[in-house]
């Protein structure tokens, strides 16, 4: 009797999830539960308890926890993760107290929620007056290499200072290089009137300046490098230097002027000497003892 054929509309065979197995010696295969994979993110930097670093540290912890929710299934693991990155310093005492209670499964410690734990951390380590701290940091903020970096830092701190637009403009100008601030204030359309316009103008001028420098470098490379600087020293100064280097004694023996090379007068009486108002304010050339003796005779 022929075997019954399966109907063409039969359901496909259901695939069961594969389970990894490990064979230990000659024993039976043992199922291995694969660990939860973590999202590749930067781990928090160690925290020593310094108030100025508390907010930054807490932000890094929260980012990592948010990106890896399966790694931290409960508040207890989150707390221990944060505590593990507090190292030697003022924060170690706070860390040891919290860690000992959690590892001992203390009832009261387990009741503390993650939010309450974070509030405790902020109270213990963050500045008592965040507004004043931001104002002091803003006062010391200065533009360095790039205008866009300066504006980002300024905006971040300014939001915490509660300064109005006028106060922000004053603080923003104080952090700019003098030449850049003057250039913006004297532009044809007038100085900006809002902090946003000040930031936009700063970035525009800074980028334009950097582009001009880059163009200058490209132009020099295409035209065979920079032109040599001309020597603008006066001809008579060069001549005097050359004479003294050739043979001073010969000029003295013949009674020649060190400036024009003619006999009959001394260098201070030379008619070829520049007038006083034409002379540059330079240090007088030091003469040797022989030259001073000859000039005074």
C-alpha atoms as a PDB file:
ATOM      1  CA  UNK A   1       0.000   0.000   0.000  1.00  0.00           C
ATOM      2  CA  UNK A   2       1.391   3.319  -1.023  1.00  0.00           C
ATOM      3  CA  UNK A   3       2.300   5.753   1.692  1.00  0.00           C
ATOM      4  CA  UNK A   4       0.003   8.734   2.122  1.00  0.00           C
ATOM      5  CA  UNK A   5       1.494  11.899   0.761  1.00  0.00           C
ATOM      6  CA  UNK A   6       1.633  14.966   2.995  1.00  0.00           C
ATOM      7  CA  UNK A   7      -0.724  17.726   1.906  1.00  0.00           C
ATOM      8  CA  UNK A   8       1.015  20.526   0.071  1.00  0.00           C
ATOM      9  CA  UNK A   9      -0.361  23.086   2.499  1.00  0.00           C
ATOM     10  CA  UNK A  10       1.157  21.541   5.582  1.00  0.00           C
ATOM     11  CA  UNK A  11       2.855  23.845   8.084  1.00  0.00           C
ATOM     12  CA  UNK A  12       6.672  24.114   7.908  1.00  0.00           C
ATOM     13  CA  UNK A  13       8.639  22.394  10.563  1.00  0.00           C
ATOM     14  CA  UNK A  14       9.038  24.645  13.597  1.00  0.00           C
ATOM     15  CA  UNK A  15      12.663  25.410  14.330  1.00  0.00           C
ATOM     16  CA  UNK A  16      13.621  25.220  17.972  1.00  0.00           C
ATOM     17  CA  UNK A  17      16.160  27.754  19.308  1.00  0.00           C
ATOM     18  CA  UNK A  18      19.654  26.367  19.371  1.00  0.00           C
ATOM     19  CA  UNK A  19      21.165  25.749  22.759  1.00  0.00           C
ATOM     20  CA  UNK A  20      24.904  25.773  23.161  1.00  0.00           C
ATOM     21  CA  UNK A  21      26.372  22.704  24.796  1.00  0.00           C
ATOM     22  CA  UNK A  22      29.695  22.115  26.448  1.00  0.00           C
ATOM     23  CA  UNK A  23      31.222  18.637  26.830  1.00  0.00           C
ATOM     24  CA  UNK A  24      33.245  18.176  29.995  1.00  0.00           C
ATOM     25  CA  UNK A  25      35.507  15.162  29.570  1.00  0.00           C
ATOM     26  CA  UNK A  26      33.386  12.077  28.862  1.00  0.00           C
ATOM     27  CA  UNK A  27      30.450  13.375  30.821  1.00  0.00           C
ATOM     28  CA  UNK A  28      27.100  14.254  29.341  1.00  0.00           C
ATOM     29  CA  UNK A  29      26.714  17.523  27.461  1.00  0.00           C
ATOM     30  CA  UNK A  30      25.856  20.425  29.765  1.00  0.00           C
ATOM     31  CA  UNK A  31      23.749  23.334  28.588  1.00  0.00           C
ATOM     32  CA  UNK A  32      25.437  26.713  28.881  1.00  0.00           C
ATOM     33  CA  UNK A  33      23.307  29.805  29.356  1.00  0.00           C
ATOM     34  CA  UNK A  34      24.885  32.570  27.301  1.00  0.00           C
ATOM     35  CA  UNK A  35      25.514  35.810  29.170  1.00  0.00           C
ATOM     36  CA  UNK A  36      23.654  38.965  28.248  1.00  0.00           C
ATOM     37  CA  UNK A  37      25.727  40.947  25.801  1.00  0.00           C
ATOM     38  CA  UNK A  38      26.543  44.475  26.869  1.00  0.00           C
ATOM     39  CA  UNK A  39      26.291  47.429  24.560  1.00  0.00           C
ATOM     40  CA  UNK A  40      29.758  48.690  23.722  1.00  0.00           C
ATOM     41  CA  UNK A  41      29.815  52.025  25.500  1.00  0.00           C
ATOM     42  CA  UNK A  42      32.438  53.958  27.405  1.00  0.00           C
ATOM     43  CA  UNK A  43      32.621  52.909  31.038  1.00  0.00           C
ATOM     44  CA  UNK A  44      32.433  55.606  33.710  1.00  0.00           C
ATOM     45  CA  UNK A  45      35.695  57.161  34.801  1.00  0.00           C
ATOM     46  CA  UNK A  46      36.773  56.594  38.388  1.00  0.00           C
ATOM     47  CA  UNK A  47      35.342  59.039  40.916  1.00  0.00           C
ATOM     48  CA  UNK A  48      37.377  60.144  43.946  1.00  0.00           C
ATOM     49  CA  UNK A  49      34.721  62.247  45.631  1.00  0.00           C
ATOM     50  CA  UNK A  50      35.693  65.645  44.204  1.00  0.00           C
ATOM     51  CA  UNK A  51      32.594  67.835  43.970  1.00  0.00           C
ATOM     52  CA  UNK A  52      33.618  69.329  40.641  1.00  0.00           C
ATOM     53  CA  UNK A  53      33.559  65.856  39.035  1.00  0.00           C
ATOM     54  CA  UNK A  54      30.375  64.511  40.648  1.00  0.00           C
ATOM     55  CA  UNK A  55      27.922  65.602  37.968  1.00  0.00           C
ATOM     56  CA  UNK A  56      30.125  64.312  35.147  1.00  0.00           C
ATOM     57  CA  UNK A  57      30.599  60.946  36.869  1.00  0.00           C
ATOM     58  CA  UNK A  58      26.900  60.508  37.565  1.00  0.00           C
ATOM     59  CA  UNK A  59      26.053  61.324  33.944  1.00  0.00           C
ATOM     60  CA  UNK A  60      28.461  58.640  32.688  1.00  0.00           C
ATOM     61  CA  UNK A  61      26.965  56.048  35.044  1.00  0.00           C
ATOM     62  CA  UNK A  62      23.392  56.849  34.000  1.00  0.00           C
ATOM     63  CA  UNK A  63      24.275  56.648  30.300  1.00  0.00           C
ATOM     64  CA  UNK A  64      25.871  53.228  30.695  1.00  0.00           C
ATOM     65  CA  UNK A  65      22.979  51.885  32.777  1.00  0.00           C
ATOM     66  CA  UNK A  66      20.418  53.214  30.286  1.00  0.00           C
ATOM     67  CA  UNK A  67      22.214  51.536  27.357  1.00  0.00           C
ATOM     68  CA  UNK A  68      22.395  48.177  29.168  1.00  0.00           C
ATOM     69  CA  UNK A  69      19.035  47.625  30.900  1.00  0.00           C
ATOM     70  CA  UNK A  70      19.346  43.816  30.754  1.00  0.00           C
ATOM     71  CA  UNK A  71      22.679  43.918  32.557  1.00  0.00           C
ATOM     72  CA  UNK A  72      21.087  45.782  35.478  1.00  0.00           C
ATOM     73  CA  UNK A  73      17.773  44.017  36.154  1.00  0.00           C
ATOM     74  CA  UNK A  74      17.225  45.584  39.583  1.00  0.00           C
ATOM     75  CA  UNK A  75      18.175  48.593  41.696  1.00  0.00           C
ATOM     76  CA  UNK A  76      20.702  46.565  43.690  1.00  0.00           C
ATOM     77  CA  UNK A  77      22.931  45.869  40.673  1.00  0.00           C
ATOM     78  CA  UNK A  78      22.751  49.522  39.621  1.00  0.00           C
ATOM     79  CA  UNK A  79      23.841  50.689  43.061  1.00  0.00           C
ATOM     80  CA  UNK A  80      26.763  48.262  43.216  1.00  0.00           C
ATOM     81  CA  UNK A  81      27.831  49.271  39.707  1.00  0.00           C
ATOM     82  CA  UNK A  82      27.992  52.938  40.697  1.00  0.00           C
ATOM     83  CA  UNK A  83      29.795  52.160  43.955  1.00  0.00           C
ATOM     84  CA  UNK A  84      32.423  50.053  42.169  1.00  0.00           C
ATOM     85  CA  UNK A  85      33.715  53.145  40.325  1.00  0.00           C
ATOM     86  CA  UNK A  86      34.268  55.228  43.460  1.00  0.00           C
ATOM     87  CA  UNK A  87      37.963  54.950  44.333  1.00  0.00           C
ATOM     88  CA  UNK A  88      40.314  56.271  46.995  1.00  0.00           C
ATOM     89  CA  UNK A  89      39.516  59.726  48.253  1.00  0.00           C
ATOM     90  CA  UNK A  90      36.735  61.495  50.151  1.00  0.00           C
ATOM     91  CA  UNK A  91      34.144  59.316  48.415  1.00  0.00           C
ATOM     92  CA  UNK A  92      35.586  56.052  49.732  1.00  0.00           C
ATOM     93  CA  UNK A  93      33.909  56.383  53.149  1.00  0.00           C
ATOM     94  CA  UNK A  94      30.495  56.877  51.570  1.00  0.00           C
ATOM     95  CA  UNK A  95      31.156  53.972  49.213  1.00  0.00           C
ATOM     96  CA  UNK A  96      32.237  51.551  51.958  1.00  0.00           C
ATOM     97  CA  UNK A  97      29.182  52.291  54.081  1.00  0.00           C
ATOM     98  CA  UNK A  98      26.742  51.693  51.214  1.00  0.00           C
ATOM     99  CA  UNK A  99      28.596  48.675  49.825  1.00  0.00           C
ATOM    100  CA  UNK A 100      28.777  46.819  53.151  1.00  0.00           C
ATOM    101  CA  UNK A 101      25.021  47.154  53.655  1.00  0.00           C
ATOM    102  CA  UNK A 102      24.181  46.004  50.138  1.00  0.00           C
ATOM    103  CA  UNK A 103      26.504  42.997  50.256  1.00  0.00           C
ATOM    104  CA  UNK A 104      24.974  41.997  53.588  1.00  0.00           C
ATOM    105  CA  UNK A 105      21.489  42.268  52.061  1.00  0.00           C
ATOM    106  CA  UNK A 106      20.512  44.765  54.727  1.00  0.00           C
ATOM    107  CA  UNK A 107      16.740  45.205  54.741  1.00  0.00           C
ATOM    108  CA  UNK A 108      16.789  48.984  55.004  1.00  0.00           C
ATOM    109  CA  UNK A 109      19.434  49.290  52.281  1.00  0.00           C
ATOM    110  CA  UNK A 110      17.393  47.080  49.952  1.00  0.00           C
ATOM    111  CA  UNK A 111      14.325  49.285  50.434  1.00  0.00           C
ATOM    112  CA  UNK A 112      16.161  52.358  49.113  1.00  0.00           C
ATOM    113  CA  UNK A 113      15.149  52.870  45.486  1.00  0.00           C
ATOM    114  CA  UNK A 114      17.568  53.743  42.685  1.00  0.00           C
ATOM    115  CA  UNK A 115      16.157  57.275  42.525  1.00  0.00           C
ATOM    116  CA  UNK A 116      16.588  57.781  46.269  1.00  0.00           C
ATOM    117  CA  UNK A 117      20.114  56.389  46.038  1.00  0.00           C
ATOM    118  CA  UNK A 118      20.991  58.926  43.311  1.00  0.00           C
ATOM    119  CA  UNK A 119      19.548  61.766  45.390  1.00  0.00           C
ATOM    120  CA  UNK A 120      21.734  60.663  48.297  1.00  0.00           C
ATOM    121  CA  UNK A 121      24.778  60.727  46.007  1.00  0.00           C
ATOM    122  CA  UNK A 122      23.950  64.230  44.736  1.00  0.00           C
ATOM    123  CA  UNK A 123      23.461  65.556  48.258  1.00  0.00           C
ATOM    124  CA  UNK A 124      26.773  64.055  49.373  1.00  0.00           C
ATOM    125  CA  UNK A 125      28.988  65.077  46.455  1.00  0.00           C
ATOM    126  CA  UNK A 126      27.512  67.660  44.105  1.00  0.00           C
ATOM    127  CA  UNK A 127      28.179  71.378  44.824  1.00  0.00           C
ATOM    128  CA  UNK A 128      25.867  72.939  47.381  1.00  0.00           C
ATOM    129  CA  UNK A 129      25.177  75.867  45.029  1.00  0.00           C
ATOM    130  CA  UNK A 130      25.292  74.699  41.386  1.00  0.00           C
ATOM    131  CA  UNK A 131      24.344  78.166  40.137  1.00  0.00           C
ATOM    132  CA  UNK A 132      27.270  79.857  41.871  1.00  0.00           C
ATOM    133  CA  UNK A 133      29.625  77.115  40.677  1.00  0.00           C
ATOM    134  CA  UNK A 134      28.506  77.639  37.067  1.00  0.00           C
ATOM    135  CA  UNK A 135      28.930  81.416  37.391  1.00  0.00           C
ATOM    136  CA  UNK A 136      32.508  81.026  38.630  1.00  0.00           C
ATOM    137  CA  UNK A 137      33.366  78.584  35.834  1.00  0.00           C
ATOM    138  CA  UNK A 138      31.820  80.908  33.253  1.00  0.00           C
ATOM    139  CA  UNK A 139      33.909  83.798  34.556  1.00  0.00           C
ATOM    140  CA  UNK A 140      37.120  81.836  33.942  1.00  0.00           C
ATOM    141  CA  UNK A 141      36.054  80.394  30.578  1.00  0.00           C
ATOM    142  CA  UNK A 142      38.205  81.544  27.645  1.00  0.00           C
ATOM    143  CA  UNK A 143      38.176  80.741  23.939  1.00  0.00           C
ATOM    144  CA  UNK A 144      41.179  78.636  22.913  1.00  0.00           C
ATOM    145  CA  UNK A 145      41.515  77.025  19.495  1.00  0.00           C
ATOM    146  CA  UNK A 146      37.993  76.928  18.065  1.00  0.00           C
ATOM    147  CA  UNK A 147      35.048  79.295  18.369  1.00  0.00           C
ATOM    148  CA  UNK A 148      32.438  76.537  18.108  1.00  0.00           C
ATOM    149  CA  UNK A 149      33.937  74.686  21.084  1.00  0.00           C
ATOM    150  CA  UNK A 150      33.888  77.893  23.108  1.00  0.00           C
ATOM    151  CA  UNK A 151      30.225  78.561  22.283  1.00  0.00           C
ATOM    152  CA  UNK A 152      29.229  74.990  23.250  1.00  0.00           C
ATOM    153  CA  UNK A 153      30.977  75.269  26.615  1.00  0.00           C
ATOM    154  CA  UNK A 154      29.544  78.732  27.190  1.00  0.00           C
ATOM    155  CA  UNK A 155      25.975  77.635  26.398  1.00  0.00           C
ATOM    156  CA  UNK A 156      26.218  74.667  28.760  1.00  0.00           C
ATOM    157  CA  UNK A 157      27.375  76.833  31.680  1.00  0.00           C
ATOM    158  CA  UNK A 158      25.147  79.812  30.879  1.00  0.00           C
ATOM    159  CA  UNK A 159      22.000  77.691  31.247  1.00  0.00           C
ATOM    160  CA  UNK A 160      22.970  77.000  34.854  1.00  0.00           C
ATOM    161  CA  UNK A 161      23.858  80.591  35.775  1.00  0.00           C
ATOM    162  CA  UNK A 162      20.360  82.058  35.281  1.00  0.00           C
ATOM    163  CA  UNK A 163      21.961  85.086  33.606  1.00  0.00           C
ATOM    164  CA  UNK A 164      19.789  87.201  31.322  1.00  0.00           C
ATOM    165  CA  UNK A 165      20.798  87.981  27.739  1.00  0.00           C
ATOM    166  CA  UNK A 166      22.711  91.153  28.619  1.00  0.00           C
ATOM    167  CA  UNK A 167      24.770  89.476  31.345  1.00  0.00           C
ATOM    168  CA  UNK A 168      25.546  86.574  29.027  1.00  0.00           C
ATOM    169  CA  UNK A 169      26.837  88.955  26.332  1.00  0.00           C
ATOM    170  CA  UNK A 170      29.193  90.600  28.835  1.00  0.00           C
ATOM    171  CA  UNK A 171      30.516  87.214  29.957  1.00  0.00           C
ATOM    172  CA  UNK A 172      30.791  85.960  26.371  1.00  0.00           C
ATOM    173  CA  UNK A 173      32.837  88.971  25.208  1.00  0.00           C
ATOM    174  CA  UNK A 174      35.150  88.615  28.192  1.00  0.00           C
ATOM    175  CA  UNK A 175      36.138  85.137  27.046  1.00  0.00           C
ATOM    176  CA  UNK A 176      36.942  86.137  23.453  1.00  0.00           C
ATOM    177  CA  UNK A 177      40.392  87.125  22.181  1.00  0.00           C
ATOM    178  CA  UNK A 178      40.657  90.935  22.138  1.00  0.00           C
ATOM    179  CA  UNK A 179      41.182  91.163  18.381  1.00  0.00           C
ATOM    180  CA  UNK A 180      38.152  88.987  17.627  1.00  0.00           C
ATOM    181  CA  UNK A 181      35.870  90.895  20.003  1.00  0.00           C
ATOM    182  CA  UNK A 182      36.887  94.247  18.475  1.00  0.00           C
ATOM    183  CA  UNK A 183      36.369  92.925  14.956  1.00  0.00           C
ATOM    184  CA  UNK A 184      32.815  91.838  15.790  1.00  0.00           C
ATOM    185  CA  UNK A 185      31.995  95.091  17.596  1.00  0.00           C
ATOM    186  CA  UNK A 186      33.185  97.232  14.665  1.00  0.00           C
ATOM    187  CA  UNK A 187      31.645  95.259  11.808  1.00  0.00           C
ATOM    188  CA  UNK A 188      29.729  97.353   9.218  1.00  0.00           C
ATOM    189  CA  UNK A 189      26.271  96.267  10.372  1.00  0.00           C
ATOM    190  CA  UNK A 190      27.078  97.083  13.989  1.00  0.00           C
ATOM    191  CA  UNK A 191      27.673  94.973  17.076  1.00  0.00           C
ATOM    192  CA  UNK A 192      25.281  92.055  17.744  1.00  0.00           C
ATOM    193  CA  UNK A 193      22.460  92.723  20.206  1.00  0.00           C
ATOM    194  CA  UNK A 194      21.641  89.180  21.347  1.00  0.00           C
ATOM    195  CA  UNK A 195      23.790  86.379  22.725  1.00  0.00           C
ATOM    196  CA  UNK A 196      22.797  84.129  19.805  1.00  0.00           C
ATOM    197  CA  UNK A 197      23.954  86.748  17.285  1.00  0.00           C
ATOM    198  CA  UNK A 198      27.223  87.115  19.188  1.00  0.00           C
ATOM    199  CA  UNK A 199      27.828  83.374  19.004  1.00  0.00           C
ATOM    200  CA  UNK A 200      26.952  83.199  15.305  1.00  0.00           C
ATOM    201  CA  UNK A 201      29.235  86.142  14.485  1.00  0.00           C
ATOM    202  CA  UNK A 202      32.094  84.653  16.501  1.00  0.00           C
ATOM    203  CA  UNK A 203      31.916  81.333  14.677  1.00  0.00           C
ATOM    204  CA  UNK A 204      31.623  83.092  11.293  1.00  0.00           C
ATOM    205  CA  UNK A 205      34.643  85.352  11.855  1.00  0.00           C
ATOM    206  CA  UNK A 206      36.730  82.526  13.303  1.00  0.00           C
ATOM    207  CA  UNK A 207      35.966  80.152  10.427  1.00  0.00           C
ATOM    208  CA  UNK A 208      36.624  82.876   7.846  1.00  0.00           C
ATOM    209  CA  UNK A 209      39.983  83.647   9.430  1.00  0.00           C
ATOM    210  CA  UNK A 210      41.000  79.974   9.470  1.00  0.00           C
ATOM    211  CA  UNK A 211      39.943  79.564   5.831  1.00  0.00           C
ATOM    212  CA  UNK A 212      42.035  82.595   4.871  1.00  0.00           C
ATOM    213  CA  UNK A 213      45.071  81.116   6.621  1.00  0.00           C
ATOM    214  CA  UNK A 214      44.546  77.812   4.849  1.00  0.00           C
ATOM    215  CA  UNK A 215      44.241  79.587   1.499  1.00  0.00           C
ATOM    216  CA  UNK A 216      47.460  81.474   2.223  1.00  0.00           C
ATOM    217  CA  UNK A 217      49.322  78.228   2.857  1.00  0.00           C
ATOM    218  CA  UNK A 218      47.949  76.714  -0.349  1.00  0.00           C
ATOM    219  CA  UNK A 219      48.905  79.820  -2.342  1.00  0.00           C
ATOM    220  CA  UNK A 220      52.462  79.739  -0.995  1.00  0.00           C
ATOM    221  CA  UNK A 221      52.827  76.068  -1.908  1.00  0.00           C
ATOM    222  CA  UNK A 222      51.534  76.657  -5.441  1.00  0.00           C
ATOM    223  CA  UNK A 223      53.797  79.664  -5.990  1.00  0.00           C
ATOM    224  CA  UNK A 224      57.019  78.132  -4.776  1.00  0.00           C
ATOM    225  CA  UNK A 225      56.964  79.149  -1.149  1.00  0.00           C
ATOM    226  CA  UNK A 226      57.069  82.468   0.613  1.00  0.00           C
ATOM    227  CA  UNK A 227      58.956  85.399  -0.829  1.00  0.00           C
ATOM    228  CA  UNK A 228      62.151  86.257   1.057  1.00  0.00           C
ATOM    229  CA  UNK A 229      61.834  89.207   3.388  1.00  0.00           C
ATOM    230  CA  UNK A 230      63.600  92.331   2.188  1.00  0.00           C
ATOM    231  CA  UNK A 231      66.282  93.862   4.336  1.00  0.00           C
ATOM    232  CA  UNK A 232      65.107  97.375   5.184  1.00  0.00           C
ATOM    233  CA  UNK A 233      68.216  98.473   7.066  1.00  0.00           C
ATOM    234  CA  UNK A 234      69.658 101.736   5.854  1.00  0.00           C
ATOM    235  CA  UNK A 235      72.446 101.495   3.309  1.00  0.00           C
ATOM    236  CA  UNK A 236      74.807 103.557   5.392  1.00  0.00           C
ATOM    237  CA  UNK A 237      74.363 101.228   8.380  1.00  0.00           C
ATOM    238  CA  UNK A 238      75.225  98.242   6.201  1.00  0.00           C
ATOM    239  CA  UNK A 239      78.224 100.074   4.751  1.00  0.00           C
ATOM    240  CA  UNK A 240      79.582 100.926   8.196  1.00  0.00           C
ATOM    241  CA  UNK A 241      79.228  97.309   9.279  1.00  0.00           C
ATOM    242  CA  UNK A 242      80.991  96.088   6.149  1.00  0.00           C
ATOM    243  CA  UNK A 243      83.842  98.602   6.604  1.00  0.00           C
ATOM    244  CA  UNK A 244      84.492  97.658  10.190  1.00  0.00           C
ATOM    245  CA  UNK A 245      84.508  94.028   9.238  1.00  0.00           C
ATOM    246  CA  UNK A 246      86.976  94.550   6.346  1.00  0.00           C
ATOM    247  CA  UNK A 247      89.699  96.546   7.962  1.00  0.00           C
ATOM    248  CA  UNK A 248      89.114  99.068  10.732  1.00  0.00           C
ATOM    249  CA  UNK A 249      92.801  99.738  11.282  1.00  0.00           C
ATOM    250  CA  UNK A 250      93.296 100.757   7.646  1.00  0.00           C
ATOM    251  CA  UNK A 251      90.593 103.433   7.894  1.00  0.00           C
ATOM    252  CA  UNK A 252      92.054 104.746  11.126  1.00  0.00           C
ATOM    253  CA  UNK A 253      95.588 104.892   9.743  1.00  0.00           C
ATOM    254  CA  UNK A 254      94.436 106.848   6.677  1.00  0.00           C
ATOM    255  CA  UNK A 255      92.094 109.102   8.648  1.00  0.00           C
ATOM    256  CA  UNK A 256      89.012 108.045   6.685  1.00  0.00           C
ATOM    257  CA  UNK A 257      85.437 108.534   7.850  1.00  0.00           C
ATOM    258  CA  UNK A 258      83.764 105.309   8.887  1.00  0.00           C
ATOM    259  CA  UNK A 259      80.502 106.421   7.230  1.00  0.00           C
ATOM    260  CA  UNK A 260      81.448 107.853   3.833  1.00  0.00           C
ATOM    261  CA  UNK A 261      85.074 106.696   3.540  1.00  0.00           C
ATOM    262  CA  UNK A 262      86.370 110.247   2.822  1.00  0.00           C
ATOM    263  CA  UNK A 263      89.234 111.934   4.723  1.00  0.00           C
ATOM    264  CA  UNK A 264      89.175 115.215   6.606  1.00  0.00           C
ATOM    265  CA  UNK A 265      86.386 114.694   9.129  1.00  0.00           C
ATOM    266  CA  UNK A 266      85.155 112.348  11.796  1.00  0.00           C
ATOM    267  CA  UNK A 267      82.049 110.140  11.639  1.00  0.00           C
ATOM    268  CA  UNK A 268      80.042 112.441  13.914  1.00  0.00           C
ATOM    269  CA  UNK A 269      80.697 115.368  11.559  1.00  0.00           C
ATOM    270  CA  UNK A 270      79.910 113.421   8.370  1.00  0.00           C
ATOM    271  CA  UNK A 271      77.510 115.251   6.040  1.00  0.00           C
ATOM    272  CA  UNK A 272      76.076 111.933   4.870  1.00  0.00           C
ATOM    273  CA  UNK A 273      74.733 111.142   8.326  1.00  0.00           C
ATOM    274  CA  UNK A 274      70.884 111.072   8.505  1.00  0.00           C
ATOM    275  CA  UNK A 275      69.117 113.868  10.307  1.00  0.00           C
ATOM    276  CA  UNK A 276      67.945 113.309  13.852  1.00  0.00           C
ATOM    277  CA  UNK A 277      64.263 113.065  12.942  1.00  0.00           C
ATOM    278  CA  UNK A 278      65.065 110.423  10.327  1.00  0.00           C
ATOM    279  CA  UNK A 279      67.065 108.170  12.612  1.00  0.00           C
ATOM    280  CA  UNK A 280      65.435 105.112  14.062  1.00  0.00           C
ATOM    281  CA  UNK A 281      65.371 104.770  17.791  1.00  0.00           C
ATOM    282  CA  UNK A 282      68.045 102.127  18.002  1.00  0.00           C
ATOM    283  CA  UNK A 283      70.807 101.476  20.447  1.00  0.00           C
ATOM    284  CA  UNK A 284      74.024 103.302  19.422  1.00  0.00           C
ATOM    285  CA  UNK A 285      76.636 101.101  17.821  1.00  0.00           C
ATOM    286  CA  UNK A 286      79.360 100.216  20.284  1.00  0.00           C
ATOM    287  CA  UNK A 287      82.865 101.200  19.109  1.00  0.00           C
ATOM    288  CA  UNK A 288      86.108  99.590  20.088  1.00  0.00           C
ATOM    289  CA  UNK A 289      88.611 101.437  22.273  1.00  0.00           C
ATOM    290  CA  UNK A 290      90.734 102.254  19.221  1.00  0.00           C
ATOM    291  CA  UNK A 291      87.722 103.672  17.354  1.00  0.00           C
ATOM    292  CA  UNK A 292      86.688 105.841  20.296  1.00  0.00           C
ATOM    293  CA  UNK A 293      90.263 107.201  20.581  1.00  0.00           C
ATOM    294  CA  UNK A 294      90.412 107.963  16.862  1.00  0.00           C
ATOM    295  CA  UNK A 295      86.989 109.660  16.822  1.00  0.00           C
ATOM    296  CA  UNK A 296      87.874 111.986  19.689  1.00  0.00           C
ATOM    297  CA  UNK A 297      91.128 113.197  18.106  1.00  0.00           C
END
